Amino acid sequence: MKAEEIREMTSEELQKKLADLKAELFNLRFQLATGQLDNPQRVKAVRKDLARVKTILHERELKIRA
């Protein structure tokens, strides 16, 4: 997911995406621990997407306060 795509989303959509990514990361970590993970690179991709969403939400929060 690219930052441009994330910036086009509303704040409510970003909050939902954040929750979905957290749940997916939890499931991936669980699969990794039990040895059932097919694609270990997916963990890295989800972590980066999670960081992008958090960054954009924080940017919007700072704009509102300023």
PDB file of N, CA and C in Angstrom:
ATOM      1  N   MET A   1       0.840  -1.169   0.000  1.00  0.00           N
ATOM      2  CA  MET A   1       0.000   0.000   0.000  1.00  0.00           C
ATOM      3  C   MET A   1       0.893   1.243   0.000  1.00  0.00           C
ATOM      4  N   LYS A   2       0.604   2.133  -0.887  1.00  0.00           N
ATOM      5  CA  LYS A   2       1.416   3.343  -1.017  1.00  0.00           C
ATOM      6  C   LYS A   2       0.833   4.467  -0.170  1.00  0.00           C
ATOM      7  N   ALA A   3       1.702   5.410   0.181  1.00  0.00           N
ATOM      8  CA  ALA A   3       1.288   6.533   1.011  1.00  0.00           C
ATOM      9  C   ALA A   3       0.217   7.367   0.311  1.00  0.00           C
ATOM     10  N   GLU A   4       0.296   7.495  -0.999  1.00  0.00           N
ATOM     11  CA  GLU A   4      -0.708   8.251  -1.751  1.00  0.00           C
ATOM     12  C   GLU A   4      -2.094   7.644  -1.586  1.00  0.00           C
ATOM     13  N   GLU A   5      -2.165   6.313  -1.616  1.00  0.00           N
ATOM     14  CA  GLU A   5      -3.440   5.625  -1.444  1.00  0.00           C
ATOM     15  C   GLU A   5      -3.984   5.866  -0.042  1.00  0.00           C
ATOM     16  N   ILE A   6      -3.101   5.857   0.930  1.00  0.00           N
ATOM     17  CA  ILE A   6      -3.520   6.044   2.312  1.00  0.00           C
ATOM     18  C   ILE A   6      -4.011   7.468   2.531  1.00  0.00           C
ATOM     19  N   ARG A   7      -3.350   8.445   1.935  1.00  0.00           N
ATOM     20  CA  ARG A   7      -3.734   9.847   2.111  1.00  0.00           C
ATOM     21  C   ARG A   7      -5.117  10.136   1.526  1.00  0.00           C
ATOM     22  N   GLU A   8      -5.555   9.347   0.560  1.00  0.00           N
ATOM     23  CA  GLU A   8      -6.866   9.543  -0.049  1.00  0.00           C
ATOM     24  C   GLU A   8      -7.999   9.037   0.840  1.00  0.00           C
ATOM     25  N   MET A   9      -7.674   8.239   1.833  1.00  0.00           N
ATOM     26  CA  MET A   9      -8.685   7.676   2.730  1.00  0.00           C
ATOM     27  C   MET A   9      -9.108   8.710   3.774  1.00  0.00           C
ATOM     28  N   THR A  10     -10.320   8.542   4.276  1.00  0.00           N
ATOM     29  CA  THR A  10     -10.785   9.411   5.357  1.00  0.00           C
ATOM     30  C   THR A  10     -10.180   8.919   6.669  1.00  0.00           C
ATOM     31  N   SER A  11     -10.283   9.729   7.699  1.00  0.00           N
ATOM     32  CA  SER A  11      -9.732   9.358   8.997  1.00  0.00           C
ATOM     33  C   SER A  11     -10.431   8.124   9.572  1.00  0.00           C
ATOM     34  N   GLU A  12     -11.722   8.010   9.325  1.00  0.00           N
ATOM     35  CA  GLU A  12     -12.466   6.839   9.812  1.00  0.00           C
ATOM     36  C   GLU A  12     -11.989   5.572   9.107  1.00  0.00           C
ATOM     37  N   GLU A  13     -11.763   5.682   7.808  1.00  0.00           N
ATOM     38  CA  GLU A  13     -11.255   4.529   7.051  1.00  0.00           C
ATOM     39  C   GLU A  13      -9.857   4.145   7.546  1.00  0.00           C
ATOM     40  N   LEU A  14      -9.061   5.142   7.877  1.00  0.00           N
ATOM     41  CA  LEU A  14      -7.709   4.866   8.376  1.00  0.00           C
ATOM     42  C   LEU A  14      -7.752   4.181   9.730  1.00  0.00           C
ATOM     43  N   GLN A  15      -8.678   4.577  10.581  1.00  0.00           N
ATOM     44  CA  GLN A  15      -8.812   3.921  11.884  1.00  0.00           C
ATOM     45  C   GLN A  15      -9.192   2.449  11.697  1.00  0.00           C
ATOM     46  N   LYS A  16     -10.091   2.182  10.758  1.00  0.00           N
ATOM     47  CA  LYS A  16     -10.493   0.797  10.461  1.00  0.00           C
ATOM     48  C   LYS A  16      -9.315   0.018   9.896  1.00  0.00           C
ATOM     49  N   LYS A  17      -8.568   0.633   8.981  1.00  0.00           N
ATOM     50  CA  LYS A  17      -7.403  -0.014   8.375  1.00  0.00           C
ATOM     51  C   LYS A  17      -6.362  -0.315   9.438  1.00  0.00           C
ATOM     52  N   LEU A  18      -6.179   0.602  10.382  1.00  0.00           N
ATOM     53  CA  LEU A  18      -5.226   0.411  11.464  1.00  0.00           C
ATOM     54  C   LEU A  18      -5.598  -0.812  12.297  1.00  0.00           C
ATOM     55  N   ALA A  19      -6.862  -0.933  12.633  1.00  0.00           N
ATOM     56  CA  ALA A  19      -7.327  -2.084  13.408  1.00  0.00           C
ATOM     57  C   ALA A  19      -7.137  -3.381  12.619  1.00  0.00           C
ATOM     58  N   ASP A  20      -7.444  -3.349  11.323  1.00  0.00           N
ATOM     59  CA  ASP A  20      -7.279  -4.539  10.482  1.00  0.00           C
ATOM     60  C   ASP A  20      -5.817  -4.963  10.393  1.00  0.00           C
ATOM     61  N   LEU A  21      -4.928  -3.985  10.227  1.00  0.00           N
ATOM     62  CA  LEU A  21      -3.496  -4.297  10.128  1.00  0.00           C
ATOM     63  C   LEU A  21      -2.950  -4.850  11.438  1.00  0.00           C
ATOM     64  N   LYS A  22      -3.416  -4.311  12.559  1.00  0.00           N
ATOM     65  CA  LYS A  22      -2.976  -4.826  13.862  1.00  0.00           C
ATOM     66  C   LYS A  22      -3.417  -6.275  14.039  1.00  0.00           C
ATOM     67  N   ALA A  23      -4.649  -6.565  13.639  1.00  0.00           N
ATOM     68  CA  ALA A  23      -5.152  -7.936  13.742  1.00  0.00           C
ATOM     69  C   ALA A  23      -4.373  -8.869  12.814  1.00  0.00           C
ATOM     70  N   GLU A  24      -4.092  -8.408  11.615  1.00  0.00           N
ATOM     71  CA  GLU A  24      -3.335  -9.228  10.671  1.00  0.00           C
ATOM     72  C   GLU A  24      -1.924  -9.492  11.182  1.00  0.00           C
ATOM     73  N   LEU A  25      -1.294  -8.475  11.749  1.00  0.00           N
ATOM     74  CA  LEU A  25       0.054  -8.642  12.290  1.00  0.00           C
ATOM     75  C   LEU A  25       0.046  -9.636  13.444  1.00  0.00           C
ATOM     76  N   PHE A  26      -0.957  -9.568  14.297  1.00  0.00           N
ATOM     77  CA  PHE A  26      -1.078 -10.521  15.391  1.00  0.00           C
ATOM     78  C   PHE A  26      -1.175 -11.944  14.852  1.00  0.00           C
ATOM     79  N   ASN A  27      -2.037 -12.137  13.835  1.00  0.00           N
ATOM     80  CA  ASN A  27      -2.205 -13.468  13.255  1.00  0.00           C
ATOM     81  C   ASN A  27      -0.924 -13.956  12.590  1.00  0.00           C
ATOM     82  N   LEU A  28      -0.207 -13.065  11.914  1.00  0.00           N
ATOM     83  CA  LEU A  28       1.042 -13.452  11.270  1.00  0.00           C
ATOM     84  C   LEU A  28       2.095 -13.855  12.307  1.00  0.00           C
ATOM     85  N   ARG A  29       2.162 -13.105  13.395  1.00  0.00           N
ATOM     86  CA  ARG A  29       3.116 -13.456  14.458  1.00  0.00           C
ATOM     87  C   ARG A  29       2.769 -14.797  15.079  1.00  0.00           C
ATOM     88  N   PHE A  30       1.491 -15.056  15.226  1.00  0.00           N
ATOM     89  CA  PHE A  30       1.049 -16.333  15.776  1.00  0.00           C
ATOM     90  C   PHE A  30       1.441 -17.470  14.833  1.00  0.00           C
ATOM     91  N   GLN A  31       1.221 -17.272  13.536  1.00  0.00           N
ATOM     92  CA  GLN A  31       1.600 -18.288  12.553  1.00  0.00           C
ATOM     93  C   GLN A  31       3.103 -18.497  12.541  1.00  0.00           C
ATOM     94  N   LEU A  32       3.863 -17.417  12.680  1.00  0.00           N
ATOM     95  CA  LEU A  32       5.319 -17.514  12.708  1.00  0.00           C
ATOM     96  C   LEU A  32       5.782 -18.347  13.902  1.00  0.00           C
ATOM     97  N   ALA A  33       5.173 -18.115  15.045  1.00  0.00           N
ATOM     98  CA  ALA A  33       5.558 -18.830  16.263  1.00  0.00           C
ATOM     99  C   ALA A  33       5.225 -20.313  16.181  1.00  0.00           C
ATOM    100  N   THR A  34       4.148 -20.656  15.477  1.00  0.00           N
ATOM    101  CA  THR A  34       3.747 -22.050  15.380  1.00  0.00           C
ATOM    102  C   THR A  34       4.326 -22.744  14.144  1.00  0.00           C
ATOM    103  N   GLY A  35       5.074 -21.997  13.335  1.00  0.00           N
ATOM    104  CA  GLY A  35       5.706 -22.597  12.167  1.00  0.00           C
ATOM    105  C   GLY A  35       4.781 -22.780  10.984  1.00  0.00           C
ATOM    106  N   GLN A  36       3.686 -22.066  10.933  1.00  0.00           N
ATOM    107  CA  GLN A  36       2.714 -22.216   9.853  1.00  0.00           C
ATOM    108  C   GLN A  36       2.753 -21.074   8.848  1.00  0.00           C
ATOM    109  N   LEU A  37       3.681 -20.155   9.007  1.00  0.00           N
ATOM    110  CA  LEU A  37       3.729 -18.977   8.143  1.00  0.00           C
ATOM    111  C   LEU A  37       4.316 -19.335   6.785  1.00  0.00           C
ATOM    112  N   ASP A  38       3.550 -19.051   5.718  1.00  0.00           N
ATOM    113  CA  ASP A  38       3.982 -19.373   4.358  1.00  0.00           C
ATOM    114  C   ASP A  38       4.920 -18.309   3.796  1.00  0.00           C
ATOM    115  N   ASN A  39       4.604 -17.041   4.043  1.00  0.00           N
ATOM    116  CA  ASN A  39       5.369 -15.950   3.465  1.00  0.00           C
ATOM    117  C   ASN A  39       5.881 -15.032   4.574  1.00  0.00           C
ATOM    118  N   PRO A  40       7.117 -15.236   5.033  1.00  0.00           N
ATOM    119  CA  PRO A  40       7.635 -14.406   6.124  1.00  0.00           C
ATOM    120  C   PRO A  40       7.796 -12.938   5.751  1.00  0.00           C
ATOM    121  N   GLN A  41       7.892 -12.614   4.471  1.00  0.00           N
ATOM    122  CA  GLN A  41       8.016 -11.225   4.053  1.00  0.00           C
ATOM    123  C   GLN A  41       6.732 -10.440   4.296  1.00  0.00           C
ATOM    124  N   ARG A  42       5.624 -11.135   4.443  1.00  0.00           N
ATOM    125  CA  ARG A  42       4.341 -10.469   4.689  1.00  0.00           C
ATOM    126  C   ARG A  42       4.370  -9.726   6.025  1.00  0.00           C
ATOM    127  N   VAL A  43       5.088 -10.263   7.020  1.00  0.00           N
ATOM    128  CA  VAL A  43       5.197  -9.607   8.323  1.00  0.00           C
ATOM    129  C   VAL A  43       5.828  -8.230   8.141  1.00  0.00           C
ATOM    130  N   LYS A  44       6.891  -8.163   7.379  1.00  0.00           N
ATOM    131  CA  LYS A  44       7.586  -6.896   7.133  1.00  0.00           C
ATOM    132  C   LYS A  44       6.670  -5.907   6.409  1.00  0.00           C
ATOM    133  N   ALA A  45       5.941  -6.378   5.412  1.00  0.00           N
ATOM    134  CA  ALA A  45       5.056  -5.511   4.636  1.00  0.00           C
ATOM    135  C   ALA A  45       3.923  -4.955   5.509  1.00  0.00           C
ATOM    136  N   VAL A  46       3.370  -5.788   6.367  1.00  0.00           N
ATOM    137  CA  VAL A  46       2.281  -5.344   7.239  1.00  0.00           C
ATOM    138  C   VAL A  46       2.799  -4.325   8.244  1.00  0.00           C
ATOM    139  N   ARG A  47       3.995  -4.551   8.780  1.00  0.00           N
ATOM    140  CA  ARG A  47       4.572  -3.597   9.728  1.00  0.00           C
ATOM    141  C   ARG A  47       4.792  -2.232   9.073  1.00  0.00           C
ATOM    142  N   LYS A  48       5.252  -2.236   7.829  1.00  0.00           N
ATOM    143  CA  LYS A  48       5.473  -0.971   7.120  1.00  0.00           C
ATOM    144  C   LYS A  48       4.156  -0.271   6.824  1.00  0.00           C
ATOM    145  N   ASP A  49       3.134  -1.023   6.415  1.00  0.00           N
ATOM    146  CA  ASP A  49       1.822  -0.434   6.163  1.00  0.00           C
ATOM    147  C   ASP A  49       1.246   0.162   7.447  1.00  0.00           C
ATOM    148  N   LEU A  50       1.426  -0.556   8.540  1.00  0.00           N
ATOM    149  CA  LEU A  50       0.958  -0.081   9.835  1.00  0.00           C
ATOM    150  C   LEU A  50       1.639   1.238  10.193  1.00  0.00           C
ATOM    151  N   ALA A  51       2.928   1.320   9.966  1.00  0.00           N
ATOM    152  CA  ALA A  51       3.678   2.544  10.252  1.00  0.00           C
ATOM    153  C   ALA A  51       3.211   3.693   9.360  1.00  0.00           C
ATOM    154  N   ARG A  52       2.934   3.403   8.094  1.00  0.00           N
ATOM    155  CA  ARG A  52       2.470   4.448   7.178  1.00  0.00           C
ATOM    156  C   ARG A  52       1.127   5.020   7.636  1.00  0.00           C
ATOM    157  N   VAL A  53       0.218   4.122   8.018  1.00  0.00           N
ATOM    158  CA  VAL A  53      -1.105   4.561   8.458  1.00  0.00           C
ATOM    159  C   VAL A  53      -0.975   5.411   9.725  1.00  0.00           C
ATOM    160  N   LYS A  54      -0.168   4.945  10.676  1.00  0.00           N
ATOM    161  CA  LYS A  54       0.022   5.703  11.910  1.00  0.00           C
ATOM    162  C   LYS A  54       0.643   7.074  11.640  1.00  0.00           C
ATOM    163  N   THR A  55       1.585   7.127  10.730  1.00  0.00           N
ATOM    164  CA  THR A  55       2.251   8.384  10.400  1.00  0.00           C
ATOM    165  C   THR A  55       1.255   9.385   9.815  1.00  0.00           C
ATOM    166  N   ILE A  56       0.435   8.942   8.892  1.00  0.00           N
ATOM    167  CA  ILE A  56      -0.529   9.839   8.255  1.00  0.00           C
ATOM    168  C   ILE A  56      -1.599  10.285   9.246  1.00  0.00           C
ATOM    169  N   LEU A  57      -2.037   9.380  10.120  1.00  0.00           N
ATOM    170  CA  LEU A  57      -2.989   9.779  11.153  1.00  0.00           C
ATOM    171  C   LEU A  57      -2.376  10.827  12.081  1.00  0.00           C
ATOM    172  N   HIS A  58      -1.126  10.660  12.426  1.00  0.00           N
ATOM    173  CA  HIS A  58      -0.444  11.618  13.291  1.00  0.00           C
ATOM    174  C   HIS A  58      -0.285  12.971  12.592  1.00  0.00           C
ATOM    175  N   GLU A  59       0.036  12.948  11.303  1.00  0.00           N
ATOM    176  CA  GLU A  59       0.142  14.192  10.537  1.00  0.00           C
ATOM    177  C   GLU A  59      -1.183  14.950  10.549  1.00  0.00           C
ATOM    178  N   ARG A  60      -2.265  14.227  10.366  1.00  0.00           N
ATOM    179  CA  ARG A  60      -3.586  14.868  10.358  1.00  0.00           C
ATOM    180  C   ARG A  60      -3.919  15.427  11.744  1.00  0.00           C
ATOM    181  N   GLU A  61      -3.529  14.707  12.776  1.00  0.00           N
ATOM    182  CA  GLU A  61      -3.764  15.179  14.135  1.00  0.00           C
ATOM    183  C   GLU A  61      -2.994  16.476  14.401  1.00  0.00           C
ATOM    184  N   LEU A  62      -1.790  16.551  13.921  1.00  0.00           N
ATOM    185  CA  LEU A  62      -0.983  17.759  14.110  1.00  0.00           C
ATOM    186  C   LEU A  62      -1.561  18.945  13.338  1.00  0.00           C
ATOM    187  N   LYS A  63      -2.110  18.689  12.158  1.00  0.00           N
ATOM    188  CA  LYS A  63      -2.726  19.763  11.372  1.00  0.00           C
ATOM    189  C   LYS A  63      -3.940  20.327  12.092  1.00  0.00           C
ATOM    190  N   ILE A  64      -4.702  19.469  12.723  1.00  0.00           N
ATOM    191  CA  ILE A  64      -5.908  19.903  13.428  1.00  0.00           C
ATOM    192  C   ILE A  64      -5.523  20.781  14.629  1.00  0.00           C
ATOM    193  N   ARG A  65      -4.483  20.398  15.326  1.00  0.00           N
ATOM    194  CA  ARG A  65      -4.058  21.138  16.516  1.00  0.00           C
ATOM    195  C   ARG A  65      -3.431  22.480  16.168  1.00  0.00           C
ATOM    196  N   ALA A  66      -2.788  22.550  15.017  1.00  0.00           N
ATOM    197  CA  ALA A  66      -2.052  23.777  14.654  1.00  0.00           C
ATOM    198  C   ALA A  66      -2.962  24.890  14.203  1.00  0.00           C
TER     199      ALA A  66
END
